C-alpha cells in the first residue's frame, strides 16, 4: 500500500472541478500528512490561500515488497471542460512494471470513455510538485 498526497486550492475549485496538486506517493499516511503540513505552512501559494489536503491509499499491483525499485507507474483518465480544466478524473492503482501499466491502460480505455489518458512515473517519497503556485 502507498499513500497519494493531493493538495487542493479550495477557492479555485467549483462544481465538478477541483484545483488539485498531486504532490507525491509515500510509504505511510503519516509521511504524507507531514509533507502536507509542511506545504500548507511553508510553500508559496499553499500557505497564502485556503488549501486543504487529502491522502488516498493506493494498492500496488504485483510483488511490490519484493522489489528494490522505488519507482511506480500511475494511470489517469480525464476529460477537459470548456474552461480547459480536467474533470471526470479516474485513477488506477499503482504498478511496478511498464507492461502492467500498459495492460491496465487498455482495460481502463475499454471501460471508461475519457478524452485524455496519462501514464506517469513517480519516485516513492519524492515530492513531484516541488514549487508553489501563484494566482493572476
N, C-alpha and C. Protein backbone atom coordinates (compact mmCIF):
# COMPACT_ATOMS: atom_id res chain seq x y z
N UNK A 1 0.85 -1.18 0.00
CA UNK A 1 0.00 0.00 0.00
C UNK A 1 0.89 1.24 0.00
N UNK A 2 0.52 2.20 -0.83
CA UNK A 2 1.17 3.51 -0.84
C UNK A 2 0.09 4.56 -0.58
N UNK A 3 0.53 5.79 -0.31
CA UNK A 3 -0.39 6.87 0.01
C UNK A 3 -0.11 8.07 -0.88
N UNK A 4 -1.12 8.45 -1.65
CA UNK A 4 -1.03 9.58 -2.58
C UNK A 4 -1.47 10.85 -1.86
N UNK A 5 -0.61 11.87 -1.89
CA UNK A 5 -0.94 13.16 -1.28
C UNK A 5 -1.36 14.14 -2.37
N UNK A 6 -2.56 14.71 -2.20
CA UNK A 6 -3.10 15.72 -3.10
C UNK A 6 -3.46 16.95 -2.29
N UNK A 7 -2.94 18.11 -2.69
CA UNK A 7 -3.35 19.37 -2.08
C UNK A 7 -4.32 20.07 -3.02
N UNK A 8 -5.30 20.77 -2.48
CA UNK A 8 -6.34 21.42 -3.29
C UNK A 8 -6.49 22.88 -2.89
N UNK A 9 -6.60 23.73 -3.90
CA UNK A 9 -6.90 25.14 -3.70
C UNK A 9 -8.42 25.26 -3.72
N UNK A 10 -9.01 25.45 -2.54
CA UNK A 10 -10.47 25.42 -2.43
C UNK A 10 -11.15 26.61 -3.11
N UNK A 11 -10.48 27.75 -3.18
CA UNK A 11 -11.10 28.92 -3.82
C UNK A 11 -11.16 28.78 -5.34
N UNK A 12 -10.29 27.98 -5.92
CA UNK A 12 -10.29 27.80 -7.37
C UNK A 12 -11.07 26.56 -7.81
N UNK A 13 -11.61 25.83 -6.85
CA UNK A 13 -12.40 24.64 -7.16
C UNK A 13 -13.87 25.04 -7.30
N UNK A 14 -14.59 24.31 -8.13
CA UNK A 14 -16.01 24.60 -8.34
C UNK A 14 -16.71 23.34 -8.85
N UNK A 15 -18.00 23.28 -8.64
CA UNK A 15 -18.87 22.20 -9.12
C UNK A 15 -18.13 20.87 -9.22
N UNK A 16 -17.89 20.40 -10.45
CA UNK A 16 -17.26 19.10 -10.65
C UNK A 16 -15.75 19.19 -10.85
N UNK A 17 -15.17 20.35 -10.54
CA UNK A 17 -13.73 20.56 -10.74
C UNK A 17 -13.06 20.89 -9.41
N UNK A 18 -11.91 20.27 -9.19
CA UNK A 18 -11.10 20.57 -8.01
C UNK A 18 -9.70 20.96 -8.49
N UNK A 19 -9.22 22.10 -8.04
CA UNK A 19 -7.87 22.59 -8.39
C UNK A 19 -6.87 21.81 -7.54
N UNK A 20 -6.40 20.69 -8.08
CA UNK A 20 -5.57 19.76 -7.33
C UNK A 20 -4.11 19.81 -7.75
N UNK A 21 -3.26 19.57 -6.77
CA UNK A 21 -1.82 19.47 -6.98
C UNK A 21 -1.40 18.11 -6.45
N UNK A 22 -0.97 17.24 -7.34
CA UNK A 22 -0.52 15.90 -6.95
C UNK A 22 0.92 16.02 -6.47
N UNK A 23 1.12 15.85 -5.18
CA UNK A 23 2.43 16.09 -4.57
C UNK A 23 3.33 14.86 -4.65
N UNK A 24 2.83 13.69 -4.26
CA UNK A 24 3.67 12.50 -4.31
C UNK A 24 3.03 11.29 -3.67
N UNK A 25 3.75 10.17 -3.80
CA UNK A 25 3.36 8.90 -3.18
C UNK A 25 4.31 8.62 -2.03
N UNK A 26 3.77 8.13 -0.91
CA UNK A 26 4.57 7.92 0.30
C UNK A 26 4.27 6.54 0.88
N UNK A 27 5.22 6.01 1.63
CA UNK A 27 5.08 4.67 2.20
C UNK A 27 4.08 4.61 3.34
N UNK A 28 3.87 5.73 4.04
CA UNK A 28 2.89 5.75 5.13
C UNK A 28 2.01 7.00 5.01
N UNK A 29 0.82 6.91 5.59
CA UNK A 29 -0.07 8.06 5.63
C UNK A 29 0.54 9.17 6.49
N UNK A 30 1.28 8.79 7.52
CA UNK A 30 1.92 9.79 8.39
C UNK A 30 2.96 10.59 7.63
N UNK A 31 3.73 9.95 6.76
CA UNK A 31 4.70 10.68 5.94
C UNK A 31 3.99 11.67 5.03
N UNK A 32 2.91 11.23 4.41
CA UNK A 32 2.14 12.11 3.52
C UNK A 32 1.57 13.29 4.29
N UNK A 33 1.05 13.06 5.49
CA UNK A 33 0.49 14.14 6.31
C UNK A 33 1.58 15.14 6.72
N UNK A 34 2.75 14.65 7.02
CA UNK A 34 3.85 15.54 7.40
C UNK A 34 4.25 16.44 6.23
N UNK A 35 4.31 15.88 5.03
CA UNK A 35 4.61 16.68 3.84
C UNK A 35 3.50 17.70 3.61
N UNK A 36 2.25 17.29 3.75
CA UNK A 36 1.12 18.21 3.57
C UNK A 36 1.21 19.39 4.51
N UNK A 37 1.48 19.14 5.77
CA UNK A 37 1.58 20.22 6.75
C UNK A 37 2.74 21.17 6.40
N UNK A 38 3.83 20.61 5.92
CA UNK A 38 4.96 21.46 5.51
C UNK A 38 4.52 22.40 4.38
N UNK A 39 3.87 21.85 3.36
CA UNK A 39 3.42 22.67 2.24
C UNK A 39 2.43 23.74 2.71
N UNK A 40 1.46 23.36 3.52
CA UNK A 40 0.43 24.31 3.96
C UNK A 40 0.99 25.42 4.83
N UNK A 41 2.12 25.19 5.46
CA UNK A 41 2.72 26.20 6.33
C UNK A 41 3.91 26.94 5.75
N UNK A 42 4.50 26.44 4.64
CA UNK A 42 5.76 27.00 4.17
C UNK A 42 5.88 27.28 2.68
N UNK A 43 5.09 26.64 1.84
CA UNK A 43 5.30 26.73 0.40
C UNK A 43 4.36 27.78 -0.20
N UNK A 44 4.94 28.68 -1.01
CA UNK A 44 4.20 29.77 -1.64
C UNK A 44 2.93 29.27 -2.30
N UNK A 45 1.86 29.98 -2.09
CA UNK A 45 0.55 29.61 -2.63
C UNK A 45 -0.22 28.73 -1.67
N UNK A 46 0.36 27.61 -1.30
CA UNK A 46 -0.32 26.70 -0.39
C UNK A 46 -0.51 27.32 0.99
N UNK A 47 0.45 28.14 1.41
CA UNK A 47 0.31 28.80 2.72
C UNK A 47 -0.34 30.17 2.60
N UNK A 48 -0.54 30.67 1.37
CA UNK A 48 -1.11 32.00 1.15
C UNK A 48 -2.61 31.99 0.88
N UNK A 49 -3.12 30.86 0.42
CA UNK A 49 -4.52 30.75 0.05
C UNK A 49 -5.15 29.56 0.79
N UNK A 50 -6.47 29.52 0.89
CA UNK A 50 -7.11 28.41 1.60
C UNK A 50 -6.96 27.10 0.82
N UNK A 51 -6.10 26.26 1.31
CA UNK A 51 -5.85 24.96 0.69
C UNK A 51 -6.09 23.85 1.70
N UNK A 52 -6.48 22.72 1.20
CA UNK A 52 -6.69 21.53 2.02
C UNK A 52 -5.89 20.39 1.40
N UNK A 53 -5.88 19.28 2.10
CA UNK A 53 -5.23 18.11 1.51
C UNK A 53 -6.05 16.86 1.79
N UNK A 54 -5.77 15.86 0.96
CA UNK A 54 -6.33 14.54 1.20
C UNK A 54 -5.25 13.51 0.88
N UNK A 55 -5.34 12.40 1.58
CA UNK A 55 -4.39 11.31 1.41
C UNK A 55 -5.20 10.10 0.97
N UNK A 56 -4.84 9.56 -0.17
CA UNK A 56 -5.60 8.46 -0.76
C UNK A 56 -4.75 7.19 -0.75
N UNK A 57 -5.21 6.14 -0.07
CA UNK A 57 -4.48 4.87 -0.12
C UNK A 57 -4.55 4.28 -1.52
N UNK A 58 -3.42 3.78 -2.01
CA UNK A 58 -3.35 3.18 -3.34
C UNK A 58 -2.69 1.81 -3.25
N UNK A 59 -3.38 0.81 -3.76
CA UNK A 59 -2.80 -0.52 -3.83
C UNK A 59 -1.68 -0.53 -4.88
N UNK A 60 -0.76 -1.46 -4.71
CA UNK A 60 0.32 -1.64 -5.68
C UNK A 60 0.16 -3.05 -6.25
N UNK A 61 0.05 -3.15 -7.58
CA UNK A 61 -0.10 -4.45 -8.23
C UNK A 61 1.23 -5.20 -8.21
N UNK A 62 1.16 -6.47 -7.96
CA UNK A 62 2.36 -7.29 -8.03
C UNK A 62 3.09 -7.40 -6.71
N UNK A 63 4.30 -7.88 -6.77
CA UNK A 63 5.14 -8.14 -5.60
C UNK A 63 5.97 -6.91 -5.25
N UNK A 64 5.31 -5.86 -4.85
CA UNK A 64 5.99 -4.60 -4.57
C UNK A 64 7.01 -4.73 -3.43
N UNK A 65 6.67 -5.48 -2.42
CA UNK A 65 7.55 -5.62 -1.26
C UNK A 65 8.85 -6.35 -1.63
N UNK A 66 8.82 -7.13 -2.71
CA UNK A 66 9.98 -7.92 -3.11
C UNK A 66 10.83 -7.24 -4.19
N UNK A 67 10.58 -6.00 -4.47
CA UNK A 67 11.35 -5.29 -5.48
C UNK A 67 12.21 -4.22 -4.82
N UNK A 68 13.34 -3.95 -5.43
CA UNK A 68 14.22 -2.91 -4.88
C UNK A 68 13.95 -1.55 -5.51
N UNK A 69 13.06 -1.50 -6.47
CA UNK A 69 12.75 -0.24 -7.15
C UNK A 69 11.92 0.68 -6.26
N UNK A 70 12.17 1.95 -6.38
CA UNK A 70 11.35 2.93 -5.67
C UNK A 70 10.50 3.72 -6.68
N UNK A 71 10.33 3.17 -7.88
CA UNK A 71 9.53 3.79 -8.93
C UNK A 71 8.21 3.06 -9.07
N UNK A 72 7.15 3.81 -9.29
CA UNK A 72 5.85 3.22 -9.59
C UNK A 72 5.24 3.97 -10.78
N UNK A 73 4.27 3.33 -11.40
CA UNK A 73 3.53 3.93 -12.50
C UNK A 73 2.08 4.10 -12.07
N UNK A 74 1.46 5.16 -12.57
CA UNK A 74 0.13 5.56 -12.14
C UNK A 74 -0.63 6.06 -13.37
N UNK A 75 -1.87 5.61 -13.54
CA UNK A 75 -2.67 5.96 -14.72
C UNK A 75 -3.80 6.89 -14.32
N UNK A 76 -4.04 7.88 -15.17
CA UNK A 76 -5.20 8.76 -15.01
C UNK A 76 -5.89 8.93 -16.35
N UNK A 77 -7.22 8.98 -16.30
CA UNK A 77 -8.02 9.33 -17.45
C UNK A 77 -8.89 10.50 -17.07
N UNK A 78 -9.13 11.42 -17.99
CA UNK A 78 -9.93 12.60 -17.67
C UNK A 78 -10.48 13.24 -18.94
N UNK A 79 -11.44 14.11 -18.75
CA UNK A 79 -12.00 14.94 -19.81
C UNK A 79 -11.57 16.38 -19.54
N UNK A 80 -11.70 17.22 -20.54
CA UNK A 80 -11.39 18.64 -20.43
C UNK A 80 -12.69 19.42 -20.63
N UNK A 81 -13.00 20.33 -19.69
CA UNK A 81 -14.24 21.10 -19.84
C UNK A 81 -14.00 22.39 -20.62
N UNK A 82 -15.03 23.22 -20.74
CA UNK A 82 -14.93 24.45 -21.53
C UNK A 82 -13.95 25.46 -20.95
N UNK A 83 -13.61 25.33 -19.67
CA UNK A 83 -12.61 26.21 -19.04
C UNK A 83 -11.20 25.63 -19.13
N UNK A 84 -11.06 24.52 -19.87
CA UNK A 84 -9.80 23.79 -20.03
C UNK A 84 -9.31 23.16 -18.73
N UNK A 85 -10.25 22.85 -17.85
CA UNK A 85 -9.93 22.17 -16.59
C UNK A 85 -10.17 20.68 -16.74
N UNK A 86 -9.38 19.89 -16.01
CA UNK A 86 -9.53 18.43 -16.03
C UNK A 86 -10.69 18.03 -15.12
N UNK A 87 -11.62 17.27 -15.69
CA UNK A 87 -12.79 16.81 -14.93
C UNK A 87 -12.99 15.33 -15.17
N UNK A 88 -13.90 14.72 -14.42
CA UNK A 88 -14.23 13.30 -14.58
C UNK A 88 -12.98 12.42 -14.49
N UNK A 89 -12.13 12.73 -13.55
CA UNK A 89 -10.85 12.03 -13.43
C UNK A 89 -11.06 10.64 -12.83
N UNK A 90 -10.46 9.66 -13.47
CA UNK A 90 -10.38 8.32 -12.89
C UNK A 90 -8.90 7.99 -12.72
N UNK A 91 -8.61 7.22 -11.68
CA UNK A 91 -7.22 6.89 -11.37
C UNK A 91 -7.09 5.39 -11.13
N UNK A 92 -5.93 4.88 -11.45
CA UNK A 92 -5.65 3.46 -11.26
C UNK A 92 -4.97 3.23 -9.92
N UNK A 93 -4.74 1.98 -9.63
CA UNK A 93 -3.83 1.64 -8.56
C UNK A 93 -2.41 1.89 -9.08
N UNK A 94 -1.39 1.48 -8.37
CA UNK A 94 -0.01 1.68 -8.79
C UNK A 94 0.55 0.40 -9.38
N UNK A 95 1.50 0.56 -10.28
CA UNK A 95 2.12 -0.58 -10.96
C UNK A 95 3.64 -0.47 -10.87
N UNK A 96 4.30 -1.63 -10.88
CA UNK A 96 5.76 -1.60 -10.78
C UNK A 96 6.45 -1.87 -12.11
N UNK A 97 5.66 -2.31 -13.12
CA UNK A 97 6.27 -2.52 -14.44
C UNK A 97 5.46 -1.80 -15.51
N UNK A 98 6.16 -1.44 -16.57
CA UNK A 98 5.52 -0.79 -17.71
C UNK A 98 4.49 -1.72 -18.34
N UNK A 99 4.79 -3.01 -18.42
CA UNK A 99 3.85 -3.97 -19.00
C UNK A 99 2.53 -4.01 -18.22
N UNK A 100 2.62 -4.00 -16.89
CA UNK A 100 1.40 -3.99 -16.06
C UNK A 100 0.58 -2.74 -16.35
N UNK A 101 1.26 -1.59 -16.37
CA UNK A 101 0.57 -0.32 -16.58
C UNK A 101 -0.08 -0.26 -17.96
N UNK A 102 0.62 -0.73 -18.98
CA UNK A 102 0.06 -0.69 -20.34
C UNK A 102 -1.15 -1.61 -20.47
N UNK A 103 -1.09 -2.78 -19.84
CA UNK A 103 -2.23 -3.69 -19.88
C UNK A 103 -3.44 -3.07 -19.17
N UNK A 104 -3.21 -2.46 -18.03
CA UNK A 104 -4.30 -1.81 -17.29
C UNK A 104 -4.85 -0.62 -18.06
N UNK A 105 -3.98 0.13 -18.72
CA UNK A 105 -4.43 1.28 -19.52
C UNK A 105 -5.42 0.83 -20.58
N UNK A 106 -5.14 -0.28 -21.25
CA UNK A 106 -6.06 -0.78 -22.28
C UNK A 106 -7.40 -1.17 -21.67
N UNK A 107 -7.37 -1.82 -20.50
CA UNK A 107 -8.62 -2.18 -19.82
C UNK A 107 -9.42 -0.93 -19.44
N UNK A 108 -8.74 0.05 -18.89
CA UNK A 108 -9.42 1.29 -18.49
C UNK A 108 -10.02 2.00 -19.70
N UNK A 109 -9.28 2.06 -20.79
CA UNK A 109 -9.79 2.71 -22.01
C UNK A 109 -11.04 2.02 -22.53
N UNK A 110 -11.09 0.69 -22.37
CA UNK A 110 -12.26 -0.06 -22.83
C UNK A 110 -13.47 0.13 -21.92
N UNK A 111 -13.22 0.41 -20.64
CA UNK A 111 -14.31 0.52 -19.66
C UNK A 111 -14.76 1.95 -19.37
N UNK A 112 -13.89 2.93 -19.64
CA UNK A 112 -14.20 4.33 -19.33
C UNK A 112 -13.89 5.19 -20.55
N UNK A 113 -14.84 5.96 -20.94
CA UNK A 113 -14.65 6.85 -22.08
C UNK A 113 -14.14 8.19 -21.57
N UNK A 114 -12.87 8.45 -21.78
CA UNK A 114 -12.25 9.73 -21.41
C UNK A 114 -11.49 10.24 -22.63
N UNK A 115 -11.36 11.56 -22.72
CA UNK A 115 -10.66 12.13 -23.88
C UNK A 115 -9.15 12.09 -23.73
N UNK A 116 -8.66 12.07 -22.51
CA UNK A 116 -7.22 12.10 -22.26
C UNK A 116 -6.81 10.98 -21.32
N UNK A 117 -5.61 10.43 -21.54
CA UNK A 117 -5.04 9.37 -20.69
C UNK A 117 -3.57 9.65 -20.47
N UNK A 118 -3.10 9.41 -19.25
CA UNK A 118 -1.68 9.55 -18.96
C UNK A 118 -1.20 8.36 -18.12
N UNK A 119 0.02 7.97 -18.38
CA UNK A 119 0.73 7.01 -17.53
C UNK A 119 1.95 7.77 -17.05
N UNK A 120 2.04 7.99 -15.74
CA UNK A 120 3.15 8.77 -15.21
C UNK A 120 3.98 7.93 -14.25
N UNK A 121 5.26 8.26 -14.22
CA UNK A 121 6.20 7.58 -13.34
C UNK A 121 6.46 8.45 -12.12
N UNK A 122 6.48 7.82 -10.95
CA UNK A 122 6.68 8.53 -9.70
C UNK A 122 7.77 7.85 -8.89
N UNK A 123 8.56 8.62 -8.20
CA UNK A 123 9.53 8.09 -7.25
C UNK A 123 8.90 8.16 -5.86
N UNK A 124 8.82 7.03 -5.19
CA UNK A 124 8.19 6.97 -3.88
C UNK A 124 8.96 7.84 -2.89
N UNK A 125 8.24 8.69 -2.18
CA UNK A 125 8.84 9.56 -1.18
C UNK A 125 9.38 10.86 -1.73
N UNK A 126 9.31 11.06 -3.04
CA UNK A 126 9.79 12.31 -3.64
C UNK A 126 8.61 13.22 -3.94
N UNK A 127 8.76 14.48 -3.58
CA UNK A 127 7.71 15.46 -3.86
C UNK A 127 7.77 15.83 -5.34
N UNK A 128 6.79 15.36 -6.10
CA UNK A 128 6.79 15.59 -7.54
C UNK A 128 6.47 17.06 -7.85
N UNK A 129 5.51 17.62 -7.13
CA UNK A 129 5.19 19.04 -7.30
C UNK A 129 5.99 19.77 -6.24
N UNK A 130 7.12 20.37 -6.65
CA UNK A 130 8.03 20.94 -5.66
C UNK A 130 7.89 22.45 -5.51
N UNK A 131 7.42 23.11 -6.53
CA UNK A 131 7.26 24.56 -6.42
C UNK A 131 5.87 24.88 -5.88
N UNK A 132 5.69 26.09 -5.48
CA UNK A 132 4.38 26.53 -5.02
C UNK A 132 3.55 26.95 -6.23
N UNK A 133 2.66 27.89 -6.01
CA UNK A 133 1.87 28.44 -7.10
C UNK A 133 1.52 29.87 -6.79
N UNK A 134 1.14 30.61 -7.84
CA UNK A 134 0.66 31.97 -7.64
C UNK A 134 -0.59 32.14 -8.49
N UNK A 135 -1.31 33.19 -8.21
CA UNK A 135 -2.53 33.48 -8.97
C UNK A 135 -2.34 34.78 -9.72
N UNK A 136 -3.05 34.88 -10.84
CA UNK A 136 -3.01 36.13 -11.62
C UNK A 136 -3.99 37.13 -11.09
